[in-house]
Amino acid sequence: MESRMYGKDTTELEAVPTTVPIPVPTTAPDRQEEVTEPLAAPGRTSGRWWRGLTGSLAAGLAVLAVGVLGAQVLGWASASSGPGAFMTCGHLLAAGLAILAQRVVDRGTGRLAGLAALAVVLLVVAPLWLFWWH
């Protein structure tokens, strides 16, 4: 159900879906009806928690990759070895792929979004396992 708003100095405003009770003007100025019927939220809400988790993992991996890149640049600047080209490229590649997979998760539905979410988790776990687990 949509409610329309009117005022003395305004014309009819755009219809806005609501989930909270809004007084609806009736013919009698003293009497108001409340609309208490909640509306279904537009879009997808079933995988919202999962999308948030995978998005956070992808963003965290991107921050880690930038940190590893910064450590490598500092290593080059100070004439030390740094983390190494393999570790730096591995983190950057995994972060880029995880962000691309997260775009599919955010924009997709069904099995495709689920597989992309699984890919994000695997792309986050892979560099941690390969480069940090000793």
Protein backbone atom coordinates (compact mmCIF):
# COMPACT_ATOMS: atom_id res chain seq x y z
CA MET A 1 0.00 0.00 0.00
CA GLU A 2 1.30 3.44 -0.82
CA SER A 3 0.40 6.59 1.02
CA ARG A 4 0.13 9.98 -0.56
CA MET A 5 0.87 13.18 1.32
CA TYR A 6 -0.88 16.51 0.92
CA GLY A 7 -0.39 19.87 2.55
CA LYS A 8 -1.85 23.37 2.48
CA ASP A 9 1.00 24.83 0.47
CA THR A 10 2.00 21.77 -1.51
CA THR A 11 0.74 19.68 -4.31
CA GLU A 12 0.54 15.91 -4.19
CA LEU A 13 3.91 14.45 -3.29
CA GLU A 14 5.44 11.31 -4.70
CA ALA A 15 4.06 8.03 -3.37
CA VAL A 16 6.37 6.55 -0.75
CA PRO A 17 6.17 2.96 0.52
CA THR A 18 6.09 2.76 4.28
CA THR A 19 6.52 0.19 7.02
CA VAL A 20 5.56 2.43 9.94
CA PRO A 21 2.06 3.60 10.80
CA ILE A 22 1.16 6.82 8.99
CA PRO A 23 -2.01 8.73 9.65
CA VAL A 24 -4.17 8.78 6.52
CA PRO A 25 -6.44 11.82 6.09
CA THR A 26 -10.14 10.98 5.96
CA THR A 27 -13.18 13.12 5.28
CA ALA A 28 -13.53 14.11 8.94
CA PRO A 29 -10.61 16.31 10.05
CA ASP A 30 -10.67 14.95 13.65
CA ARG A 31 -10.60 11.29 12.66
CA GLN A 32 -7.46 9.59 11.38
CA GLU A 33 -6.85 6.02 10.27
CA GLU A 34 -3.50 4.38 10.79
CA VAL A 35 -1.99 2.16 8.14
CA THR A 36 -0.19 -0.61 10.02
CA GLU A 37 0.28 -3.08 7.20
CA PRO A 38 4.02 -3.59 6.59
CA LEU A 39 5.19 -3.69 3.01
CA ALA A 40 7.57 -6.23 1.54
CA ALA A 41 10.98 -4.68 1.16
CA PRO A 42 11.95 -4.12 -2.45
CA GLY A 43 14.79 -6.24 -3.77
CA ARG A 44 16.46 -9.23 -2.18
CA THR A 45 16.73 -9.57 1.58
CA SER A 46 17.36 -13.29 2.04
CA GLY A 47 21.12 -13.19 1.45
CA ARG A 48 21.80 -9.79 2.92
CA TRP A 49 23.94 -11.08 5.81
CA TRP A 50 25.95 -13.33 3.51
CA ARG A 51 26.52 -10.50 1.00
CA GLY A 52 27.71 -8.28 3.82
CA LEU A 53 30.11 -10.92 5.08
CA THR A 54 31.62 -11.65 1.68
CA GLY A 55 31.84 -7.94 0.90
CA SER A 56 33.73 -7.37 4.15
CA LEU A 57 36.08 -10.26 3.37
CA ALA A 58 36.79 -8.91 -0.12
CA ALA A 59 37.39 -5.40 1.22
CA GLY A 60 39.66 -6.75 3.95
CA LEU A 61 41.70 -8.68 1.41
CA ALA A 62 42.02 -5.53 -0.71
CA VAL A 63 43.32 -3.60 2.31
CA LEU A 64 45.78 -6.42 3.05
CA ALA A 65 46.96 -6.43 -0.57
CA VAL A 66 47.58 -2.68 -0.47
CA GLY A 67 49.50 -3.16 2.77
CA VAL A 68 51.66 -5.89 1.24
CA LEU A 69 52.27 -3.67 -1.78
CA GLY A 70 53.28 -0.84 0.55
CA ALA A 71 55.68 -3.16 2.37
CA GLN A 72 57.21 -4.19 -0.94
CA VAL A 73 57.65 -0.56 -2.04
CA LEU A 74 59.26 0.25 1.33
CA GLY A 75 61.49 -2.78 0.86
CA TRP A 76 62.62 -1.52 -2.52
CA ALA A 77 63.17 1.99 -1.13
CA SER A 78 65.29 0.73 1.75
CA ALA A 79 67.26 -1.76 -0.37
CA SER A 80 65.85 -4.76 1.50
CA SER A 81 63.95 -7.69 0.08
CA GLY A 82 60.41 -6.89 1.31
CA PRO A 83 57.69 -9.53 1.02
CA GLY A 84 58.70 -10.47 -2.50
CA ALA A 85 57.16 -10.14 -5.94
CA PHE A 86 55.35 -13.50 -5.74
CA MET A 87 53.61 -12.64 -2.46
CA THR A 88 52.76 -9.11 -3.59
CA CYS A 89 51.37 -10.18 -6.97
CA GLY A 90 49.49 -13.07 -5.34
CA HIS A 91 47.73 -10.74 -2.90
CA LEU A 92 46.92 -8.17 -5.57
CA LEU A 93 45.56 -10.81 -7.94
CA ALA A 94 43.46 -12.48 -5.24
CA ALA A 95 42.08 -9.12 -4.08
CA GLY A 96 41.16 -8.07 -7.62
CA LEU A 97 39.42 -11.37 -8.32
CA ALA A 98 37.62 -11.26 -4.96
CA ILE A 99 36.29 -7.78 -5.68
CA LEU A 100 35.09 -8.87 -9.12
CA ALA A 101 33.42 -11.93 -7.59
CA GLN A 102 31.80 -9.69 -4.97
CA ARG A 103 30.28 -7.56 -7.72
CA VAL A 104 28.63 -10.72 -9.04
CA VAL A 105 27.39 -11.52 -5.52
CA ASP A 106 25.92 -8.03 -5.11
CA ARG A 107 24.27 -7.91 -8.53
CA GLY A 108 23.34 -11.56 -9.05
CA THR A 109 20.71 -13.89 -7.71
CA GLY A 110 20.36 -17.60 -7.13
CA ARG A 111 23.06 -20.12 -7.81
CA LEU A 112 25.36 -17.68 -9.63
CA ALA A 113 25.48 -15.33 -6.63
CA GLY A 114 26.02 -18.27 -4.28
CA LEU A 115 28.92 -19.60 -6.32
CA ALA A 116 30.45 -16.13 -6.53
CA ALA A 117 30.15 -15.80 -2.73
CA LEU A 118 31.93 -19.12 -2.32
CA ALA A 119 34.62 -17.87 -4.72
CA VAL A 120 35.10 -14.75 -2.56
CA VAL A 121 35.61 -16.88 0.54
CA LEU A 122 38.07 -19.16 -1.26
CA LEU A 123 39.95 -16.19 -2.75
CA VAL A 124 40.33 -14.73 0.74
CA VAL A 125 41.42 -18.01 2.33
CA ALA A 126 43.91 -18.89 -0.44
CA PRO A 127 46.46 -16.07 0.09
CA LEU A 128 46.16 -16.38 3.86
CA TRP A 129 46.87 -20.10 3.60
CA LEU A 130 49.61 -19.83 1.00
CA PHE A 131 51.50 -16.78 2.23
CA TRP A 132 50.80 -16.41 5.94
CA TRP A 133 50.34 -19.93 7.34
CA HIS A 134 53.78 -21.15 8.37
